[in-house]
């Protein structure tokens, strides 16, 4: 893993402001709450819309937050001017969630020139481990978020 770099707090605020209103995050009531070098924290407050017919959170909801946690943890280390996309995801469901919140912590394990590997865990409010996953991401040229060209510098110094 590359050496930690100091992310500009204004850049982090711009990422949060740009990502959280996206249609899919809104659909899932998902929020990117914190971003640091190689780390991301996300949250979904569970609602009836997240439940499958047996009354527990649908696996797709859990997979979505794991995917996003891995993605944003790796994106924090991506070179300026590079976008990313998910290549694959592998996860293990360990316990059901019925209500409360899904809290995902993502960590970038490695980011190379073309591919990266992230891991994420999903816990409930009590700290109980609900799921664990890995995701491979691919760096992409000329892929930017709307308005990204106006964001502050990514790194301090």
N, C-alpha and C. Protein backbone atom coordinates (compact mmCIF):
# COMPACT_ATOMS: atom_id res chain seq x y z
N UNK A 1 0.86 -1.17 0.00
CA UNK A 1 0.00 0.00 0.00
C UNK A 1 0.90 1.23 0.00
N UNK A 2 0.49 2.25 -0.74
CA UNK A 2 1.29 3.46 -0.79
C UNK A 2 1.23 4.19 0.55
N UNK A 3 2.23 5.05 0.77
CA UNK A 3 2.32 5.78 2.03
C UNK A 3 1.11 6.71 2.19
N UNK A 4 0.59 6.82 3.42
CA UNK A 4 -0.56 7.70 3.64
C UNK A 4 -0.24 9.14 3.26
N UNK A 5 -1.22 9.78 2.63
CA UNK A 5 -1.11 11.19 2.28
C UNK A 5 -2.23 11.93 2.98
N UNK A 6 -1.99 13.18 3.28
CA UNK A 6 -2.99 13.99 3.96
C UNK A 6 -4.04 14.47 2.95
N UNK A 7 -5.26 14.00 3.12
CA UNK A 7 -6.35 14.45 2.27
C UNK A 7 -6.83 15.82 2.74
N UNK A 8 -7.12 16.68 1.79
CA UNK A 8 -7.64 18.02 2.06
C UNK A 8 -9.06 17.89 2.62
N UNK A 9 -9.33 18.41 3.83
CA UNK A 9 -10.69 18.33 4.39
C UNK A 9 -11.75 18.97 3.48
N UNK A 10 -11.37 19.98 2.72
CA UNK A 10 -12.31 20.60 1.78
C UNK A 10 -12.63 19.66 0.63
N UNK A 11 -11.65 18.88 0.19
CA UNK A 11 -11.88 17.88 -0.85
C UNK A 11 -12.82 16.81 -0.32
N UNK A 12 -12.58 16.35 0.93
CA UNK A 12 -13.45 15.34 1.53
C UNK A 12 -14.88 15.86 1.59
N UNK A 13 -15.07 17.10 2.02
CA UNK A 13 -16.41 17.69 2.08
C UNK A 13 -17.05 17.73 0.69
N UNK A 14 -16.26 18.04 -0.33
CA UNK A 14 -16.78 18.08 -1.71
C UNK A 14 -17.20 16.69 -2.17
N UNK A 15 -16.43 15.66 -1.82
CA UNK A 15 -16.79 14.29 -2.18
C UNK A 15 -18.11 13.92 -1.51
N UNK A 16 -18.22 14.17 -0.21
CA UNK A 16 -19.45 13.83 0.51
C UNK A 16 -20.65 14.56 -0.10
N UNK A 17 -20.47 15.84 -0.40
CA UNK A 17 -21.57 16.63 -0.98
C UNK A 17 -21.92 16.16 -2.39
N UNK A 18 -20.94 15.65 -3.12
CA UNK A 18 -21.19 15.19 -4.48
C UNK A 18 -21.74 13.79 -4.56
N UNK A 19 -21.39 12.95 -3.61
CA UNK A 19 -21.77 11.54 -3.65
C UNK A 19 -23.13 11.28 -3.00
N UNK A 20 -23.35 11.84 -1.84
CA UNK A 20 -24.56 11.50 -1.08
C UNK A 20 -25.87 11.82 -1.79
N UNK A 21 -25.97 12.85 -2.63
CA UNK A 21 -27.23 13.09 -3.34
C UNK A 21 -27.44 12.21 -4.58
N UNK A 22 -26.48 11.33 -4.91
CA UNK A 22 -26.63 10.54 -6.14
C UNK A 22 -27.89 9.67 -6.04
N UNK A 23 -28.55 9.41 -7.17
CA UNK A 23 -29.82 8.69 -7.15
C UNK A 23 -29.77 7.33 -6.44
N UNK A 24 -28.72 6.55 -6.65
CA UNK A 24 -28.69 5.23 -6.02
C UNK A 24 -28.53 5.34 -4.50
N UNK A 25 -27.68 6.24 -4.05
CA UNK A 25 -27.53 6.44 -2.61
C UNK A 25 -28.86 6.89 -2.01
N UNK A 26 -29.57 7.77 -2.71
CA UNK A 26 -30.88 8.23 -2.22
C UNK A 26 -31.87 7.07 -2.17
N UNK A 27 -31.89 6.24 -3.20
CA UNK A 27 -32.79 5.09 -3.25
C UNK A 27 -32.57 4.17 -2.06
N UNK A 28 -31.31 3.94 -1.71
CA UNK A 28 -30.97 3.04 -0.61
C UNK A 28 -30.93 3.73 0.75
N UNK A 29 -31.09 5.06 0.76
CA UNK A 29 -30.91 5.84 2.00
C UNK A 29 -29.51 5.60 2.57
N UNK A 30 -28.53 5.54 1.67
CA UNK A 30 -27.14 5.29 2.02
C UNK A 30 -26.40 6.62 2.09
N UNK A 31 -25.49 6.72 3.05
CA UNK A 31 -24.69 7.94 3.19
C UNK A 31 -23.22 7.59 3.39
N UNK A 32 -22.37 8.26 2.63
CA UNK A 32 -20.94 8.22 2.87
C UNK A 32 -20.70 9.23 3.98
N UNK A 33 -20.32 8.75 5.16
CA UNK A 33 -20.22 9.62 6.33
C UNK A 33 -18.81 10.12 6.60
N UNK A 34 -17.80 9.34 6.23
CA UNK A 34 -16.43 9.77 6.50
C UNK A 34 -15.51 9.14 5.48
N UNK A 35 -14.46 9.86 5.18
CA UNK A 35 -13.48 9.44 4.20
C UNK A 35 -12.11 9.86 4.71
N UNK A 36 -11.15 8.96 4.64
CA UNK A 36 -9.77 9.24 5.01
C UNK A 36 -8.89 8.44 4.06
N UNK A 37 -7.59 8.61 4.16
CA UNK A 37 -6.66 7.89 3.31
C UNK A 37 -6.88 6.38 3.49
N UNK A 38 -7.39 5.72 2.46
CA UNK A 38 -7.58 4.28 2.48
C UNK A 38 -8.74 3.79 3.34
N UNK A 39 -9.62 4.70 3.75
CA UNK A 39 -10.73 4.32 4.63
C UNK A 39 -12.01 5.05 4.24
N UNK A 40 -13.14 4.37 4.47
CA UNK A 40 -14.45 4.98 4.22
C UNK A 40 -15.46 4.40 5.21
N UNK A 41 -16.36 5.25 5.66
CA UNK A 41 -17.43 4.85 6.57
C UNK A 41 -18.77 5.21 5.93
N UNK A 42 -19.67 4.24 5.85
CA UNK A 42 -21.00 4.46 5.27
C UNK A 42 -22.07 3.95 6.21
N UNK A 43 -23.29 4.42 5.97
CA UNK A 43 -24.42 4.08 6.84
C UNK A 43 -25.69 3.97 6.02
N UNK A 44 -26.51 2.98 6.38
CA UNK A 44 -27.88 2.88 5.89
C UNK A 44 -28.76 2.70 7.12
N UNK A 45 -29.69 3.62 7.33
CA UNK A 45 -30.70 3.44 8.37
C UNK A 45 -31.79 2.58 7.75
N UNK A 46 -31.95 1.38 8.28
CA UNK A 46 -32.88 0.42 7.69
C UNK A 46 -34.32 0.89 7.81
N UNK A 47 -35.05 0.67 6.73
CA UNK A 47 -36.48 0.99 6.65
C UNK A 47 -37.19 -0.21 6.04
N UNK A 48 -38.48 -0.15 6.01
CA UNK A 48 -39.29 -1.25 5.45
C UNK A 48 -38.86 -1.57 4.02
N UNK A 49 -38.48 -0.55 3.24
CA UNK A 49 -38.10 -0.77 1.83
C UNK A 49 -36.86 -1.65 1.68
N UNK A 50 -36.06 -1.81 2.73
CA UNK A 50 -34.84 -2.62 2.66
C UNK A 50 -35.08 -4.09 2.97
N UNK A 51 -36.28 -4.45 3.40
CA UNK A 51 -36.54 -5.80 3.87
C UNK A 51 -37.02 -6.72 2.74
N UNK A 52 -36.56 -7.95 2.79
CA UNK A 52 -37.05 -8.98 1.87
C UNK A 52 -38.28 -9.63 2.49
N UNK A 53 -38.95 -10.56 1.79
CA UNK A 53 -40.21 -11.11 2.29
C UNK A 53 -40.17 -11.75 3.67
N UNK A 54 -38.99 -12.21 4.11
CA UNK A 54 -38.89 -12.84 5.43
C UNK A 54 -38.63 -11.83 6.55
N UNK A 55 -38.61 -10.53 6.19
CA UNK A 55 -38.52 -9.48 7.20
C UNK A 55 -37.13 -9.08 7.64
N UNK A 56 -36.12 -9.51 6.90
CA UNK A 56 -34.74 -9.09 7.21
C UNK A 56 -34.19 -8.29 6.04
N UNK A 57 -33.13 -7.54 6.30
CA UNK A 57 -32.52 -6.73 5.24
C UNK A 57 -32.13 -7.61 4.06
N UNK A 58 -32.49 -7.18 2.87
CA UNK A 58 -32.18 -7.92 1.65
C UNK A 58 -30.67 -7.97 1.45
N UNK A 59 -30.18 -9.10 0.97
CA UNK A 59 -28.74 -9.25 0.73
C UNK A 59 -28.18 -8.23 -0.24
N UNK A 60 -29.00 -7.76 -1.18
CA UNK A 60 -28.54 -6.76 -2.12
C UNK A 60 -28.24 -5.43 -1.45
N UNK A 61 -28.96 -5.12 -0.39
CA UNK A 61 -28.70 -3.89 0.36
C UNK A 61 -27.35 -4.00 1.05
N UNK A 62 -27.11 -5.14 1.66
CA UNK A 62 -25.83 -5.38 2.33
C UNK A 62 -24.69 -5.36 1.31
N UNK A 63 -24.90 -6.00 0.16
CA UNK A 63 -23.88 -6.01 -0.89
C UNK A 63 -23.59 -4.59 -1.39
N UNK A 64 -24.63 -3.78 -1.49
CA UNK A 64 -24.45 -2.40 -1.97
C UNK A 64 -23.57 -1.59 -1.04
N UNK A 65 -23.78 -1.72 0.27
CA UNK A 65 -22.98 -0.92 1.20
C UNK A 65 -21.54 -1.44 1.28
N UNK A 66 -21.36 -2.76 1.12
CA UNK A 66 -20.00 -3.30 1.08
C UNK A 66 -19.28 -2.81 -0.17
N UNK A 67 -19.95 -2.86 -1.31
CA UNK A 67 -19.37 -2.38 -2.56
C UNK A 67 -18.97 -0.92 -2.42
N UNK A 68 -19.85 -0.10 -1.88
CA UNK A 68 -19.57 1.34 -1.75
C UNK A 68 -18.43 1.59 -0.76
N UNK A 69 -18.39 0.86 0.34
CA UNK A 69 -17.33 1.06 1.33
C UNK A 69 -15.96 0.71 0.75
N UNK A 70 -15.88 -0.39 0.03
CA UNK A 70 -14.61 -0.78 -0.62
C UNK A 70 -14.22 0.26 -1.67
N UNK A 71 -15.19 0.66 -2.49
CA UNK A 71 -14.94 1.60 -3.57
C UNK A 71 -14.38 2.92 -3.04
N UNK A 72 -15.07 3.53 -2.07
CA UNK A 72 -14.64 4.86 -1.61
C UNK A 72 -13.35 4.80 -0.81
N UNK A 73 -13.09 3.69 -0.12
CA UNK A 73 -11.81 3.54 0.57
C UNK A 73 -10.67 3.54 -0.44
N UNK A 74 -10.86 2.84 -1.56
CA UNK A 74 -9.82 2.82 -2.60
C UNK A 74 -9.76 4.15 -3.35
N UNK A 75 -10.91 4.76 -3.60
CA UNK A 75 -10.94 6.03 -4.32
C UNK A 75 -10.15 7.11 -3.58
N UNK A 76 -10.13 7.05 -2.27
CA UNK A 76 -9.39 8.05 -1.50
C UNK A 76 -7.90 8.02 -1.83
N UNK A 77 -7.40 6.91 -2.31
CA UNK A 77 -5.99 6.78 -2.67
C UNK A 77 -5.73 6.90 -4.17
N UNK A 78 -6.79 7.01 -4.94
CA UNK A 78 -6.63 7.06 -6.40
C UNK A 78 -5.92 8.34 -6.83
N UNK A 79 -5.11 8.26 -7.87
CA UNK A 79 -4.46 9.47 -8.38
C UNK A 79 -5.50 10.49 -8.87
N UNK A 80 -5.15 11.74 -8.75
CA UNK A 80 -6.02 12.81 -9.25
C UNK A 80 -6.25 12.57 -10.73
N UNK A 81 -7.48 12.72 -11.18
CA UNK A 81 -7.82 12.55 -12.59
C UNK A 81 -8.24 11.15 -12.96
N UNK A 82 -8.22 10.23 -12.01
CA UNK A 82 -8.65 8.86 -12.29
C UNK A 82 -10.01 8.62 -11.66
N UNK A 83 -10.87 7.92 -12.41
CA UNK A 83 -12.13 7.44 -11.87
C UNK A 83 -11.97 5.97 -11.55
N UNK A 84 -13.04 5.36 -11.09
CA UNK A 84 -12.97 3.94 -10.75
C UNK A 84 -14.30 3.27 -11.04
N UNK A 85 -14.24 1.96 -11.20
CA UNK A 85 -15.44 1.15 -11.31
C UNK A 85 -15.18 -0.19 -10.63
N UNK A 86 -16.23 -0.83 -10.16
CA UNK A 86 -16.10 -2.12 -9.49
C UNK A 86 -15.96 -3.22 -10.54
N UNK A 87 -15.01 -4.12 -10.31
CA UNK A 87 -14.79 -5.27 -11.19
C UNK A 87 -15.51 -6.49 -10.63
N UNK A 88 -15.38 -6.72 -9.34
CA UNK A 88 -16.08 -7.84 -8.71
C UNK A 88 -16.27 -7.57 -7.23
N UNK A 89 -17.12 -8.39 -6.65
CA UNK A 89 -17.37 -8.29 -5.21
C UNK A 89 -17.63 -9.70 -4.70
N UNK A 90 -17.11 -9.98 -3.52
CA UNK A 90 -17.32 -11.27 -2.85
C UNK A 90 -17.65 -10.95 -1.41
N UNK A 91 -18.74 -11.54 -0.92
CA UNK A 91 -19.07 -11.26 0.47
C UNK A 91 -19.66 -12.46 1.16
N UNK A 92 -19.58 -12.41 2.47
CA UNK A 92 -20.17 -13.43 3.32
C UNK A 92 -21.21 -12.75 4.22
N UNK A 93 -22.42 -13.29 4.19
CA UNK A 93 -23.48 -12.84 5.09
C UNK A 93 -23.33 -13.64 6.38
N UNK A 94 -23.21 -12.97 7.50
CA UNK A 94 -22.92 -13.65 8.76
C UNK A 94 -24.06 -13.62 9.76
N UNK A 95 -24.90 -12.59 9.68
CA UNK A 95 -26.05 -12.48 10.58
C UNK A 95 -27.08 -11.57 9.94
N UNK A 96 -28.37 -11.80 10.22
CA UNK A 96 -29.40 -10.96 9.61
C UNK A 96 -29.56 -9.63 10.35
N UNK A 97 -30.03 -8.64 9.62
CA UNK A 97 -30.39 -7.35 10.20
C UNK A 97 -31.87 -7.13 9.93
N UNK A 98 -32.58 -6.71 10.96
CA UNK A 98 -34.02 -6.51 10.83
C UNK A 98 -34.36 -5.02 10.92
N UNK A 99 -33.70 -4.33 11.82
CA UNK A 99 -33.95 -2.90 11.98
C UNK A 99 -32.65 -2.23 12.45
N UNK A 100 -32.72 -0.95 12.68
CA UNK A 100 -31.53 -0.23 13.11
C UNK A 100 -30.76 0.29 11.91
N UNK A 101 -29.46 0.11 11.94
CA UNK A 101 -28.61 0.64 10.88
C UNK A 101 -27.59 -0.39 10.44
N UNK A 102 -27.20 -0.27 9.18
CA UNK A 102 -26.05 -0.99 8.66
C UNK A 102 -24.90 0.01 8.67
N UNK A 103 -23.82 -0.32 9.35
CA UNK A 103 -22.66 0.55 9.44
C UNK A 103 -21.49 -0.16 8.78
N UNK A 104 -21.01 0.40 7.68
CA UNK A 104 -19.94 -0.24 6.91
C UNK A 104 -18.64 0.52 7.07
N UNK A 105 -17.57 -0.23 7.31
CA UNK A 105 -16.22 0.32 7.37
C UNK A 105 -15.42 -0.31 6.25
N UNK A 106 -14.92 0.53 5.35
CA UNK A 106 -14.13 0.03 4.23
C UNK A 106 -12.67 0.39 4.39
N UNK A 107 -11.81 -0.46 3.83
CA UNK A 107 -10.38 -0.23 3.90
C UNK A 107 -9.76 -0.66 2.57
N UNK A 108 -8.89 0.18 2.04
CA UNK A 108 -8.17 -0.16 0.82
C UNK A 108 -6.98 -1.04 1.21
N UNK A 109 -6.96 -2.26 0.71
CA UNK A 109 -5.85 -3.16 1.00
C UNK A 109 -4.67 -2.90 0.08
N UNK A 110 -4.97 -2.60 -1.19
CA UNK A 110 -3.90 -2.32 -2.16
C UNK A 110 -4.51 -1.58 -3.34
N UNK A 111 -3.80 -0.58 -3.80
CA UNK A 111 -4.19 0.12 -5.02
C UNK A 111 -2.97 0.21 -5.91
N UNK A 112 -3.06 -0.47 -7.06
CA UNK A 112 -1.98 -0.43 -8.03
C UNK A 112 -2.29 0.58 -9.12
N UNK A 113 -1.60 0.46 -10.26
CA UNK A 113 -1.82 1.38 -11.38
C UNK A 113 -3.13 1.14 -12.10
N UNK A 114 -3.61 -0.09 -12.05
CA UNK A 114 -4.83 -0.43 -12.78
C UNK A 114 -5.94 -1.00 -11.93
N UNK A 115 -5.57 -1.77 -10.90
CA UNK A 115 -6.56 -2.43 -10.06
C UNK A 115 -6.30 -2.15 -8.59
N UNK A 116 -7.36 -2.26 -7.80
CA UNK A 116 -7.24 -2.12 -6.36
C UNK A 116 -8.08 -3.17 -5.68
N UNK A 117 -7.78 -3.42 -4.41
CA UNK A 117 -8.53 -4.37 -3.62
C UNK A 117 -8.96 -3.70 -2.32
N UNK A 118 -10.25 -3.75 -2.05
CA UNK A 118 -10.78 -3.19 -0.82
C UNK A 118 -11.51 -4.25 -0.03
N UNK A 119 -11.60 -4.03 1.27
CA UNK A 119 -12.37 -4.92 2.13
C UNK A 119 -13.31 -4.06 2.97
N UNK A 120 -14.43 -4.66 3.37
CA UNK A 120 -15.38 -3.93 4.19
C UNK A 120 -16.09 -4.89 5.14
N UNK A 121 -16.42 -4.36 6.30
CA UNK A 121 -17.25 -5.09 7.25
C UNK A 121 -18.51 -4.27 7.49
N UNK A 122 -19.61 -4.97 7.74
CA UNK A 122 -20.88 -4.33 8.05
C UNK A 122 -21.30 -4.80 9.43
N UNK A 123 -21.60 -3.83 10.28
CA UNK A 123 -22.01 -4.12 11.66
C UNK A 123 -23.33 -3.42 11.94
N UNK A 124 -24.00 -3.87 13.00
CA UNK A 124 -25.18 -3.15 13.45
C UNK A 124 -24.74 -2.15 14.54
N UNK A 125 -25.70 -1.45 15.11
CA UNK A 125 -25.37 -0.41 16.10
C UNK A 125 -24.70 -0.97 17.35
N UNK A 126 -24.92 -2.25 17.64
CA UNK A 126 -24.31 -2.86 18.82
C UNK A 126 -22.90 -3.38 18.54
N UNK A 127 -22.47 -3.31 17.28
CA UNK A 127 -21.16 -3.80 16.91
C UNK A 127 -21.15 -5.22 16.40
N UNK A 128 -22.32 -5.86 16.33
CA UNK A 128 -22.41 -7.24 15.84
C UNK A 128 -22.05 -7.29 14.36
N UNK A 129 -21.15 -8.18 13.99
CA UNK A 129 -20.72 -8.33 12.60
C UNK A 129 -21.81 -9.01 11.80
N UNK A 130 -22.29 -8.32 10.75
CA UNK A 130 -23.37 -8.83 9.90
C UNK A 130 -22.86 -9.41 8.59
N UNK A 131 -21.79 -8.81 8.05
CA UNK A 131 -21.26 -9.26 6.76
C UNK A 131 -19.82 -8.77 6.61
N UNK A 132 -19.08 -9.48 5.77
CA UNK A 132 -17.70 -9.13 5.47
C UNK A 132 -17.51 -9.33 3.97
N UNK A 133 -16.80 -8.42 3.32
CA UNK A 133 -16.63 -8.56 1.88
C UNK A 133 -15.33 -8.01 1.35
N UNK A 134 -15.03 -8.39 0.12
CA UNK A 134 -13.88 -7.92 -0.64
C UNK A 134 -14.37 -7.44 -2.00
N UNK A 135 -13.72 -6.43 -2.53
CA UNK A 135 -14.08 -5.95 -3.87
C UNK A 135 -12.82 -5.54 -4.62
N UNK A 136 -12.79 -5.89 -5.89
CA UNK A 136 -11.75 -5.43 -6.79
C UNK A 136 -12.29 -4.23 -7.55
N UNK A 137 -11.50 -3.17 -7.64
CA UNK A 137 -11.87 -1.98 -8.39
C UNK A 137 -10.84 -1.75 -9.48
N UNK A 138 -11.29 -1.07 -10.54
CA UNK A 138 -10.41 -0.77 -11.66
C UNK A 138 -10.32 0.75 -11.82
N UNK A 139 -9.11 1.25 -11.95
CA UNK A 139 -8.90 2.67 -12.23
C UNK A 139 -9.21 2.94 -13.69
N UNK A 140 -9.89 4.06 -13.94
CA UNK A 140 -10.34 4.39 -15.29
C UNK A 140 -9.95 5.84 -15.60
N UNK A 141 -9.36 6.04 -16.78
CA UNK A 141 -9.06 7.40 -17.24
C UNK A 141 -10.34 8.08 -17.70
N UNK A 142 -10.36 9.39 -17.58
CA UNK A 142 -11.45 10.21 -18.12
C UNK A 142 -12.82 9.83 -17.58
N UNK A 143 -12.89 9.47 -16.32
CA UNK A 143 -14.16 9.18 -15.66
C UNK A 143 -14.20 10.06 -14.41
N UNK A 144 -15.08 11.02 -14.40
CA UNK A 144 -15.13 11.98 -13.29
C UNK A 144 -16.56 12.12 -12.78
N UNK A 145 -16.67 12.52 -11.55
CA UNK A 145 -17.97 12.83 -10.96
C UNK A 145 -18.42 14.20 -11.45
N UNK A 146 -19.72 14.42 -11.57
CA UNK A 146 -20.20 15.74 -11.99
C UNK A 146 -19.68 16.85 -11.06
N UNK A 147 -19.13 17.88 -11.66
CA UNK A 147 -18.60 19.02 -10.89
C UNK A 147 -17.23 18.81 -10.30
N UNK A 148 -16.64 17.64 -10.49
CA UNK A 148 -15.36 17.31 -9.88
C UNK A 148 -14.24 18.27 -10.29
N UNK A 149 -14.35 18.82 -11.49
CA UNK A 149 -13.31 19.74 -11.96
C UNK A 149 -13.24 21.02 -11.11
N UNK A 150 -14.30 21.31 -10.36
CA UNK A 150 -14.33 22.50 -9.52
C UNK A 150 -14.00 22.22 -8.05
N UNK A 151 -13.69 20.97 -7.73
CA UNK A 151 -13.40 20.62 -6.34
C UNK A 151 -12.05 21.20 -5.91
N UNK A 152 -11.87 21.36 -4.61
CA UNK A 152 -10.55 21.79 -4.10
C UNK A 152 -9.51 20.71 -4.37
N UNK A 153 -8.26 21.03 -4.17
CA UNK A 153 -7.18 20.06 -4.35
C UNK A 153 -7.39 18.87 -3.42
N UNK A 154 -7.05 17.68 -3.90
CA UNK A 154 -7.26 16.45 -3.13
C UNK A 154 -6.32 16.34 -1.94
N UNK A 155 -5.09 16.73 -2.14
CA UNK A 155 -4.08 16.52 -1.10
C UNK A 155 -3.60 17.85 -0.53
N UNK A 156 -3.21 17.81 0.74
CA UNK A 156 -2.60 18.98 1.39
C UNK A 156 -1.13 18.99 1.05
N UNK A 157 -0.57 20.17 0.97
CA UNK A 157 0.87 20.30 0.78
C UNK A 157 1.37 20.14 -0.59
